[in-house]
Amino acid sequence: RLGKQRKVREGHLLVSEAPYGYTYIPKQDKRHGYYEINELEARVVKMIFSWAANDSVTIRGIIKRLQEMKIAPRESKRGVWSTSTLSTLLRNKTYIGEAHYGKSYAVVPEKPLKNEVYKKVKKTSRRIRPEEEWVIIPTPSIIDRELFVRVGKQLADNFAMCQRNKKNDY
């Protein structure tokens, strides 16, 4: 664990797979692994962010547009974007040049599904750390910070105004 933390503080990426829009170049010739922008996927990422911010399109609306344009996600058996994938993509700060390490930590679950006597791994739940404790790793940015902030505001507005979210009609 200490070795991983040291590498991250030195600015090295510790990932298994890059987010959509990037290609992970593994360690080679004494140079540590890094992200490289995948131009085809980066164009799609820019379109997704502009639809969300400028056109006020919901996540399901973005999925419809991507299906109409026949743009498939990187890894999907059905070739269809899921709402959780797009939600994660639109909230990922890697696209503005800030990859993160140490966002969460393991804890023992408060309400486990099964109360077993023996468990090999006891800490099976995750908790999010405060943002001040996250380690920021610089990466090449695909979109600018202002667009990212506008998308975050639009997602919050979409969630607040969602039909499924209404308890009463006022």
N, C-alpha and C. Protein backbone atom coordinates (compact mmCIF):
# COMPACT_ATOMS: atom_id res chain seq x y z
N ARG A 1 0.82 -1.19 0.00
CA ARG A 1 0.00 0.00 0.00
C ARG A 1 0.86 1.26 0.00
N LEU A 2 1.92 1.25 0.78
CA LEU A 2 2.81 2.42 0.84
C LEU A 2 3.48 2.68 -0.50
N GLY A 3 3.84 1.60 -1.19
CA GLY A 3 4.45 1.74 -2.51
C GLY A 3 3.48 2.36 -3.51
N LYS A 4 2.22 1.94 -3.46
CA LYS A 4 1.21 2.51 -4.34
C LYS A 4 1.03 4.00 -4.05
N GLN A 5 0.95 4.34 -2.77
CA GLN A 5 0.76 5.74 -2.40
C GLN A 5 1.94 6.60 -2.83
N ARG A 6 3.15 6.08 -2.71
CA ARG A 6 4.34 6.82 -3.14
C ARG A 6 4.29 7.05 -4.65
N LYS A 7 3.95 6.00 -5.42
CA LYS A 7 3.89 6.15 -6.87
C LYS A 7 2.85 7.18 -7.29
N VAL A 8 1.70 7.15 -6.63
CA VAL A 8 0.64 8.09 -6.97
C VAL A 8 1.05 9.52 -6.64
N ARG A 9 1.72 9.71 -5.50
CA ARG A 9 2.17 11.07 -5.14
C ARG A 9 3.22 11.60 -6.11
N GLU A 10 3.94 10.68 -6.76
CA GLU A 10 4.92 11.08 -7.77
C GLU A 10 4.26 11.37 -9.13
N GLY A 11 2.93 11.14 -9.22
CA GLY A 11 2.20 11.46 -10.44
C GLY A 11 1.99 10.30 -11.38
N HIS A 12 2.19 9.06 -10.93
CA HIS A 12 2.00 7.89 -11.78
C HIS A 12 0.58 7.38 -11.65
N LEU A 13 0.05 6.85 -12.75
CA LEU A 13 -1.30 6.29 -12.74
C LEU A 13 -1.27 4.84 -12.30
N LEU A 14 -2.21 4.46 -11.45
CA LEU A 14 -2.38 3.07 -11.05
C LEU A 14 -3.78 2.65 -11.46
N VAL A 15 -3.94 2.22 -12.70
CA VAL A 15 -5.25 1.85 -13.22
C VAL A 15 -5.15 0.55 -13.99
N SER A 16 -6.30 -0.09 -14.16
CA SER A 16 -6.33 -1.28 -14.99
C SER A 16 -6.86 -0.94 -16.38
N GLU A 17 -7.77 0.05 -16.44
CA GLU A 17 -8.33 0.44 -17.73
C GLU A 17 -8.60 1.94 -17.75
N ALA A 18 -8.39 2.55 -18.89
CA ALA A 18 -8.59 4.00 -19.03
C ALA A 18 -10.06 4.32 -19.24
N PRO A 19 -10.49 5.52 -18.83
CA PRO A 19 -11.87 5.94 -19.12
C PRO A 19 -12.09 6.11 -20.62
N TYR A 20 -13.37 6.13 -21.01
CA TYR A 20 -13.72 6.31 -22.42
C TYR A 20 -13.13 7.64 -22.90
N GLY A 21 -12.46 7.62 -24.03
CA GLY A 21 -11.82 8.82 -24.56
C GLY A 21 -10.32 8.80 -24.41
N TYR A 22 -9.81 7.87 -23.61
CA TYR A 22 -8.38 7.74 -23.37
C TYR A 22 -7.91 6.32 -23.68
N THR A 23 -6.63 6.19 -23.94
CA THR A 23 -5.98 4.90 -24.06
C THR A 23 -4.88 4.86 -23.01
N TYR A 24 -4.82 3.77 -22.25
CA TYR A 24 -3.78 3.64 -21.23
C TYR A 24 -2.55 3.02 -21.89
N ILE A 25 -1.43 3.73 -21.83
CA ILE A 25 -0.15 3.23 -22.34
C ILE A 25 0.61 2.68 -21.14
N PRO A 26 0.83 1.36 -21.07
CA PRO A 26 1.49 0.78 -19.89
C PRO A 26 2.96 1.15 -19.79
N LYS A 27 3.53 0.84 -18.63
CA LYS A 27 4.94 1.15 -18.36
C LYS A 27 5.84 0.49 -19.40
N GLN A 28 6.78 1.29 -19.94
CA GLN A 28 7.75 0.77 -20.90
C GLN A 28 8.97 1.68 -20.94
N ASP A 29 10.12 1.11 -21.10
CA ASP A 29 11.38 1.84 -21.20
C ASP A 29 11.57 2.85 -20.07
N LYS A 30 11.39 2.40 -18.84
CA LYS A 30 11.58 3.21 -17.63
C LYS A 30 10.63 4.42 -17.55
N ARG A 31 9.60 4.43 -18.38
CA ARG A 31 8.59 5.48 -18.30
C ARG A 31 7.31 4.84 -17.77
N HIS A 32 6.74 5.42 -16.74
CA HIS A 32 5.55 4.84 -16.12
C HIS A 32 4.33 4.99 -17.02
N GLY A 33 3.29 4.21 -16.73
CA GLY A 33 2.07 4.24 -17.53
C GLY A 33 1.41 5.61 -17.52
N TYR A 34 0.72 5.95 -18.61
CA TYR A 34 0.08 7.26 -18.73
C TYR A 34 -1.12 7.13 -19.67
N TYR A 35 -1.97 8.17 -19.64
CA TYR A 35 -3.13 8.25 -20.54
C TYR A 35 -2.75 9.00 -21.79
N GLU A 36 -3.27 8.53 -22.91
CA GLU A 36 -3.13 9.21 -24.18
C GLU A 36 -4.54 9.42 -24.73
N ILE A 37 -4.82 10.56 -25.30
CA ILE A 37 -6.16 10.84 -25.81
C ILE A 37 -6.42 10.02 -27.07
N ASN A 38 -7.55 9.29 -27.06
CA ASN A 38 -8.01 8.54 -28.22
C ASN A 38 -8.92 9.49 -29.01
N GLU A 39 -8.48 9.95 -30.17
CA GLU A 39 -9.17 11.02 -30.89
C GLU A 39 -10.61 10.67 -31.26
N LEU A 40 -10.87 9.44 -31.70
CA LEU A 40 -12.24 9.06 -32.08
C LEU A 40 -13.17 9.11 -30.87
N GLU A 41 -12.74 8.50 -29.76
CA GLU A 41 -13.55 8.49 -28.56
C GLU A 41 -13.65 9.89 -27.94
N ALA A 42 -12.59 10.68 -28.05
CA ALA A 42 -12.60 12.04 -27.49
C ALA A 42 -13.64 12.91 -28.19
N ARG A 43 -13.82 12.71 -29.49
CA ARG A 43 -14.86 13.45 -30.21
C ARG A 43 -16.24 13.11 -29.66
N VAL A 44 -16.47 11.83 -29.36
CA VAL A 44 -17.75 11.40 -28.79
C VAL A 44 -17.94 12.00 -27.41
N VAL A 45 -16.88 12.02 -26.60
CA VAL A 45 -16.95 12.59 -25.25
C VAL A 45 -17.31 14.08 -25.33
N LYS A 46 -16.70 14.81 -26.26
CA LYS A 46 -17.01 16.24 -26.43
C LYS A 46 -18.47 16.43 -26.84
N MET A 47 -18.98 15.55 -27.72
CA MET A 47 -20.38 15.64 -28.13
C MET A 47 -21.30 15.40 -26.93
N ILE A 48 -20.99 14.38 -26.13
CA ILE A 48 -21.82 14.04 -24.97
C ILE A 48 -21.88 15.21 -24.00
N PHE A 49 -20.72 15.80 -23.69
CA PHE A 49 -20.69 16.93 -22.76
C PHE A 49 -21.41 18.15 -23.34
N SER A 50 -21.27 18.41 -24.64
CA SER A 50 -21.95 19.57 -25.21
C SER A 50 -23.46 19.35 -25.25
N TRP A 51 -23.92 18.14 -25.52
CA TRP A 51 -25.36 17.86 -25.49
C TRP A 51 -25.92 18.11 -24.09
N ALA A 52 -25.19 17.63 -23.08
CA ALA A 52 -25.67 17.77 -21.70
C ALA A 52 -25.67 19.23 -21.26
N ALA A 53 -24.65 19.99 -21.62
CA ALA A 53 -24.54 21.37 -21.14
C ALA A 53 -25.30 22.35 -22.02
N ASN A 54 -25.13 22.29 -23.33
CA ASN A 54 -25.70 23.30 -24.23
C ASN A 54 -27.14 23.01 -24.63
N ASP A 55 -27.48 21.72 -24.85
CA ASP A 55 -28.81 21.36 -25.32
C ASP A 55 -29.73 20.91 -24.18
N SER A 56 -29.21 20.84 -22.95
CA SER A 56 -29.97 20.39 -21.78
C SER A 56 -30.61 19.02 -21.99
N VAL A 57 -29.88 18.12 -22.64
CA VAL A 57 -30.38 16.78 -22.90
C VAL A 57 -30.15 15.92 -21.66
N THR A 58 -31.12 15.07 -21.33
CA THR A 58 -30.98 14.17 -20.19
C THR A 58 -30.08 13.01 -20.58
N ILE A 59 -29.72 12.19 -19.59
CA ILE A 59 -28.83 11.05 -19.86
C ILE A 59 -29.52 10.06 -20.81
N ARG A 60 -30.81 9.82 -20.60
CA ARG A 60 -31.54 8.92 -21.51
C ARG A 60 -31.65 9.52 -22.91
N GLY A 61 -31.75 10.84 -23.01
CA GLY A 61 -31.76 11.50 -24.30
C GLY A 61 -30.43 11.36 -25.02
N ILE A 62 -29.34 11.43 -24.25
CA ILE A 62 -28.01 11.24 -24.84
C ILE A 62 -27.88 9.82 -25.37
N ILE A 63 -28.41 8.84 -24.63
CA ILE A 63 -28.36 7.44 -25.08
C ILE A 63 -29.10 7.30 -26.41
N LYS A 64 -30.26 7.93 -26.52
CA LYS A 64 -31.04 7.86 -27.77
C LYS A 64 -30.25 8.46 -28.93
N ARG A 65 -29.61 9.60 -28.70
CA ARG A 65 -28.82 10.23 -29.76
C ARG A 65 -27.65 9.36 -30.18
N LEU A 66 -26.98 8.74 -29.20
CA LEU A 66 -25.84 7.86 -29.52
C LEU A 66 -26.30 6.63 -30.31
N GLN A 67 -27.48 6.11 -29.97
CA GLN A 67 -28.01 4.96 -30.71
C GLN A 67 -28.39 5.35 -32.13
N GLU A 68 -28.98 6.55 -32.29
CA GLU A 68 -29.33 7.02 -33.63
C GLU A 68 -28.09 7.18 -34.50
N MET A 69 -26.99 7.62 -33.89
CA MET A 69 -25.74 7.82 -34.63
C MET A 69 -24.93 6.52 -34.74
N LYS A 70 -25.45 5.45 -34.13
CA LYS A 70 -24.80 4.12 -34.14
C LYS A 70 -23.40 4.17 -33.53
N ILE A 71 -23.28 4.89 -32.41
CA ILE A 71 -22.02 4.95 -31.68
C ILE A 71 -22.13 4.00 -30.49
N ALA A 72 -21.32 2.96 -30.52
CA ALA A 72 -21.36 1.95 -29.46
C ALA A 72 -20.32 2.25 -28.39
N PRO A 73 -20.56 1.84 -27.15
CA PRO A 73 -19.54 2.01 -26.11
C PRO A 73 -18.36 1.09 -26.37
N ARG A 74 -17.28 1.33 -25.66
CA ARG A 74 -16.06 0.55 -25.88
C ARG A 74 -16.28 -0.94 -25.62
N GLU A 75 -16.85 -1.24 -24.47
CA GLU A 75 -17.08 -2.65 -24.11
C GLU A 75 -18.52 -2.83 -23.68
N SER A 76 -19.31 -3.44 -24.54
CA SER A 76 -20.70 -3.75 -24.22
C SER A 76 -21.12 -4.92 -25.09
N LYS A 77 -21.72 -5.93 -24.47
CA LYS A 77 -22.14 -7.10 -25.24
C LYS A 77 -23.28 -6.75 -26.18
N ARG A 78 -24.20 -5.89 -25.72
CA ARG A 78 -25.34 -5.51 -26.55
C ARG A 78 -25.05 -4.31 -27.44
N GLY A 79 -23.97 -3.58 -27.17
CA GLY A 79 -23.63 -2.40 -27.95
C GLY A 79 -24.48 -1.20 -27.60
N VAL A 80 -25.01 -1.16 -26.37
CA VAL A 80 -25.89 -0.09 -25.93
C VAL A 80 -25.28 0.60 -24.71
N TRP A 81 -25.35 1.92 -24.68
CA TRP A 81 -24.87 2.68 -23.53
C TRP A 81 -25.83 2.51 -22.38
N SER A 82 -25.32 2.41 -21.16
CA SER A 82 -26.19 2.35 -19.99
C SER A 82 -26.19 3.72 -19.30
N THR A 83 -27.26 3.98 -18.55
CA THR A 83 -27.37 5.28 -17.87
C THR A 83 -26.27 5.44 -16.83
N SER A 84 -25.91 4.33 -16.16
CA SER A 84 -24.86 4.44 -15.14
C SER A 84 -23.50 4.75 -15.76
N THR A 85 -23.23 4.20 -16.94
CA THR A 85 -21.97 4.48 -17.63
C THR A 85 -21.88 5.96 -17.99
N LEU A 86 -22.95 6.50 -18.55
CA LEU A 86 -22.94 7.92 -18.93
C LEU A 86 -22.92 8.82 -17.71
N SER A 87 -23.61 8.43 -16.65
CA SER A 87 -23.61 9.22 -15.42
C SER A 87 -22.20 9.30 -14.85
N THR A 88 -21.50 8.18 -14.83
CA THR A 88 -20.12 8.14 -14.35
C THR A 88 -19.21 8.97 -15.26
N LEU A 89 -19.41 8.84 -16.57
CA LEU A 89 -18.59 9.58 -17.53
C LEU A 89 -18.75 11.08 -17.34
N LEU A 90 -19.98 11.55 -17.14
CA LEU A 90 -20.24 12.98 -17.02
C LEU A 90 -19.76 13.56 -15.69
N ARG A 91 -19.48 12.71 -14.70
CA ARG A 91 -18.99 13.18 -13.41
C ARG A 91 -17.49 12.93 -13.21
N ASN A 92 -16.83 12.34 -14.18
CA ASN A 92 -15.42 11.96 -14.06
C ASN A 92 -14.52 13.17 -14.33
N LYS A 93 -13.73 13.57 -13.33
CA LYS A 93 -12.86 14.74 -13.46
C LYS A 93 -11.61 14.48 -14.29
N THR A 94 -11.40 13.25 -14.73
CA THR A 94 -10.26 12.95 -15.59
C THR A 94 -10.36 13.74 -16.88
N TYR A 95 -11.58 14.01 -17.34
CA TYR A 95 -11.78 14.72 -18.60
C TYR A 95 -11.35 16.18 -18.54
N ILE A 96 -11.19 16.74 -17.33
CA ILE A 96 -10.68 18.11 -17.21
C ILE A 96 -9.21 18.11 -16.77
N GLY A 97 -8.58 16.94 -16.78
CA GLY A 97 -7.15 16.86 -16.49
C GLY A 97 -6.82 16.49 -15.06
N GLU A 98 -7.76 15.94 -14.31
CA GLU A 98 -7.52 15.58 -12.91
C GLU A 98 -7.96 14.15 -12.63
N ALA A 99 -7.07 13.19 -12.77
CA ALA A 99 -7.38 11.82 -12.35
C ALA A 99 -7.22 11.77 -10.83
N HIS A 100 -7.96 10.90 -10.17
CA HIS A 100 -7.92 10.84 -8.70
C HIS A 100 -7.53 9.46 -8.21
N TYR A 101 -6.89 9.44 -7.07
CA TYR A 101 -6.56 8.19 -6.38
C TYR A 101 -6.95 8.38 -4.92
N GLY A 102 -7.48 7.35 -4.31
CA GLY A 102 -7.83 7.39 -2.90
C GLY A 102 -9.14 8.10 -2.63
N LYS A 103 -10.12 7.98 -3.55
CA LYS A 103 -11.41 8.62 -3.35
C LYS A 103 -12.22 7.91 -2.27
N SER A 104 -11.99 6.60 -2.09
CA SER A 104 -12.78 5.86 -1.12
C SER A 104 -11.89 4.93 -0.31
N TYR A 105 -12.45 4.40 0.77
CA TYR A 105 -11.74 3.45 1.61
C TYR A 105 -12.69 2.35 2.05
N ALA A 106 -12.13 1.19 2.39
CA ALA A 106 -12.94 0.03 2.75
C ALA A 106 -13.35 0.08 4.22
N VAL A 107 -14.60 -0.35 4.47
CA VAL A 107 -15.12 -0.42 5.84
C VAL A 107 -15.94 -1.69 5.99
N VAL A 108 -16.18 -2.08 7.22
CA VAL A 108 -17.06 -3.20 7.52
C VAL A 108 -18.50 -2.72 7.31
N PRO A 109 -19.34 -3.48 6.57
CA PRO A 109 -20.70 -3.01 6.30
C PRO A 109 -21.54 -2.91 7.57
N GLU A 110 -22.36 -1.85 7.65
CA GLU A 110 -23.23 -1.66 8.81
C GLU A 110 -24.41 -2.63 8.78
N LYS A 111 -24.98 -2.85 7.59
CA LYS A 111 -26.11 -3.77 7.43
C LYS A 111 -25.73 -4.83 6.40
N PRO A 112 -25.01 -5.86 6.80
CA PRO A 112 -24.59 -6.88 5.83
C PRO A 112 -25.79 -7.69 5.32
N LEU A 113 -25.66 -8.20 4.10
CA LEU A 113 -26.73 -9.02 3.53
C LEU A 113 -26.86 -10.34 4.29
N LYS A 114 -25.74 -10.90 4.68
CA LYS A 114 -25.74 -12.16 5.43
C LYS A 114 -24.90 -11.97 6.69
N ASN A 115 -25.40 -12.44 7.79
CA ASN A 115 -24.63 -12.39 9.03
C ASN A 115 -23.90 -13.72 9.19
N GLU A 116 -22.73 -13.78 8.60
CA GLU A 116 -21.94 -15.01 8.67
C GLU A 116 -20.95 -14.91 9.81
N VAL A 117 -20.62 -16.06 10.39
CA VAL A 117 -19.67 -16.09 11.50
C VAL A 117 -18.27 -15.81 10.98
N TYR A 118 -17.89 -16.49 9.88
CA TYR A 118 -16.55 -16.32 9.34
C TYR A 118 -16.60 -15.62 7.99
N LYS A 119 -15.77 -14.61 7.84
CA LYS A 119 -15.59 -13.94 6.55
C LYS A 119 -14.11 -13.74 6.34
N LYS A 120 -13.62 -14.14 5.18
CA LYS A 120 -12.21 -13.94 4.89
C LYS A 120 -11.89 -12.45 4.78
N VAL A 121 -12.74 -11.72 4.06
CA VAL A 121 -12.58 -10.28 3.92
C VAL A 121 -13.73 -9.62 4.66
N LYS A 122 -13.40 -8.86 5.70
CA LYS A 122 -14.45 -8.25 6.52
C LYS A 122 -14.89 -6.89 6.00
N LYS A 123 -13.96 -6.12 5.44
CA LYS A 123 -14.28 -4.78 4.95
C LYS A 123 -14.74 -4.87 3.50
N THR A 124 -16.04 -5.01 3.29
CA THR A 124 -16.57 -5.20 1.94
C THR A 124 -17.38 -4.00 1.45
N SER A 125 -17.54 -2.96 2.26
CA SER A 125 -18.25 -1.75 1.84
C SER A 125 -17.24 -0.62 1.61
N ARG A 126 -17.66 0.42 0.93
CA ARG A 126 -16.78 1.55 0.63
C ARG A 126 -17.40 2.84 1.16
N ARG A 127 -16.55 3.76 1.59
CA ARG A 127 -16.96 5.11 2.00
C ARG A 127 -16.12 6.10 1.20
N ILE A 128 -16.73 7.21 0.86
CA ILE A 128 -16.04 8.25 0.10
C ILE A 128 -15.29 9.16 1.07
N ARG A 129 -14.03 9.44 0.75
CA ARG A 129 -13.22 10.38 1.54
C ARG A 129 -13.57 11.81 1.16
N PRO A 130 -13.25 12.77 2.02
CA PRO A 130 -13.41 14.19 1.62
C PRO A 130 -12.48 14.52 0.46
N GLU A 131 -12.90 15.44 -0.39
CA GLU A 131 -12.12 15.76 -1.60
C GLU A 131 -10.73 16.28 -1.29
N GLU A 132 -10.53 16.87 -0.12
CA GLU A 132 -9.20 17.38 0.23
C GLU A 132 -8.18 16.26 0.38
N GLU A 133 -8.63 15.05 0.69
CA GLU A 133 -7.72 13.92 0.89
C GLU A 133 -7.41 13.16 -0.40
N TRP A 134 -8.12 13.44 -1.48
CA TRP A 134 -7.87 12.75 -2.74
C TRP A 134 -6.52 13.18 -3.30
N VAL A 135 -5.82 12.26 -3.93
CA VAL A 135 -4.56 12.58 -4.60
C VAL A 135 -4.88 12.84 -6.07
N ILE A 136 -4.53 14.03 -6.55
CA ILE A 136 -4.82 14.42 -7.93
C ILE A 136 -3.61 14.09 -8.81
N ILE A 137 -3.88 13.38 -9.91
CA ILE A 137 -2.84 13.02 -10.86
C ILE A 137 -3.13 13.76 -12.16
N PRO A 138 -2.20 14.59 -12.65
CA PRO A 138 -2.47 15.34 -13.88
C PRO A 138 -2.56 14.42 -15.10
N THR A 139 -3.56 14.67 -15.94
CA THR A 139 -3.77 13.90 -17.17
C THR A 139 -4.08 14.89 -18.30
N PRO A 140 -3.98 14.47 -19.56
CA PRO A 140 -4.37 15.37 -20.65
C PRO A 140 -5.88 15.61 -20.60
N SER A 141 -6.31 16.85 -20.77
CA SER A 141 -7.74 17.16 -20.67
C SER A 141 -8.40 17.12 -22.05
N ILE A 142 -9.66 16.68 -22.05
CA ILE A 142 -10.44 16.62 -23.29
C ILE A 142 -11.40 17.81 -23.36
N ILE A 143 -11.96 18.19 -22.20
CA ILE A 143 -12.89 19.33 -22.17
C ILE A 143 -12.37 20.37 -21.17
N ASP A 144 -12.95 21.56 -21.23
CA ASP A 144 -12.51 22.60 -20.30
C ASP A 144 -13.36 22.56 -19.01
N ARG A 145 -12.83 23.16 -17.98
CA ARG A 145 -13.45 23.13 -16.64
C ARG A 145 -14.83 23.78 -16.64
N GLU A 146 -14.99 24.87 -17.38
CA GLU A 146 -16.26 25.60 -17.40
C GLU A 146 -17.39 24.72 -17.94
N LEU A 147 -17.12 23.96 -19.00
CA LEU A 147 -18.10 23.04 -19.56
C LEU A 147 -18.45 21.94 -18.56
N PHE A 148 -17.44 21.44 -17.86
CA PHE A 148 -17.65 20.39 -16.85
C PHE A 148 -18.55 20.88 -15.73
N VAL A 149 -18.34 22.12 -15.28
CA VAL A 149 -19.17 22.70 -14.22
C VAL A 149 -20.60 22.88 -14.70
N ARG A 150 -20.78 23.34 -15.94
CA ARG A 150 -22.13 23.50 -16.49
C ARG A 150 -22.86 22.17 -16.59
N VAL A 151 -22.14 21.11 -16.97
CA VAL A 151 -22.75 19.78 -17.05
C VAL A 151 -23.18 19.32 -15.66
N GLY A 152 -22.34 19.54 -14.66
CA GLY A 152 -22.70 19.16 -13.29
C GLY A 152 -23.95 19.87 -12.82
N LYS A 153 -24.06 21.16 -13.14
CA LYS A 153 -25.25 21.92 -12.77
C LYS A 153 -26.47 21.39 -13.51
N GLN A 154 -26.32 21.06 -14.78
CA GLN A 154 -27.43 20.54 -15.58
C GLN A 154 -27.89 19.19 -15.06
N LEU A 155 -26.95 18.32 -14.67
CA LEU A 155 -27.31 17.02 -14.10
C LEU A 155 -28.10 17.18 -12.81
N ALA A 156 -27.69 18.13 -11.97
CA ALA A 156 -28.42 18.39 -10.72
C ALA A 156 -29.83 18.92 -11.02
N ASP A 157 -29.95 19.81 -12.02
CA ASP A 157 -31.26 20.32 -12.39
C ASP A 157 -32.14 19.21 -12.96
N ASN A 158 -31.56 18.35 -13.80
CA ASN A 158 -32.33 17.24 -14.37
C ASN A 158 -32.84 16.32 -13.27
N PHE A 159 -32.00 16.06 -12.27
CA PHE A 159 -32.41 15.19 -11.17
C PHE A 159 -33.53 15.83 -10.35
N ALA A 160 -33.42 17.13 -10.11
CA ALA A 160 -34.44 17.83 -9.32
C ALA A 160 -35.78 17.88 -10.04
N MET A 161 -35.76 18.01 -11.37
CA MET A 161 -37.00 18.16 -12.13
C MET A 161 -37.52 16.85 -12.71
N CYS A 162 -36.88 15.73 -12.42
CA CYS A 162 -37.26 14.44 -12.97
C CYS A 162 -38.67 14.05 -12.50
N GLN A 163 -39.48 13.52 -13.41
CA GLN A 163 -40.85 13.12 -13.08
C GLN A 163 -40.87 12.06 -11.97
N ARG A 164 -39.91 11.14 -12.00
CA ARG A 164 -39.86 10.07 -11.00
C ARG A 164 -39.47 10.58 -9.63
N ASN A 165 -38.92 11.80 -9.56
CA ASN A 165 -38.43 12.35 -8.30
C ASN A 165 -39.50 13.15 -7.55
N LYS A 166 -40.64 13.37 -8.18
CA LYS A 166 -41.67 14.21 -7.58
C LYS A 166 -42.50 13.40 -6.59
N LYS A 167 -42.61 13.91 -5.37
CA LYS A 167 -43.44 13.26 -4.37
C LYS A 167 -44.85 13.85 -4.40
N ASN A 168 -44.94 15.15 -4.60
CA ASN A 168 -46.23 15.84 -4.65
C ASN A 168 -46.21 16.84 -5.78
N ASP A 169 -47.40 17.13 -6.32
CA ASP A 169 -47.53 18.15 -7.35
C ASP A 169 -47.89 19.48 -6.70
N TYR A 170 -47.04 20.47 -6.85
CA TYR A 170 -47.30 21.79 -6.27
C TYR A 170 -47.54 22.76 -7.39
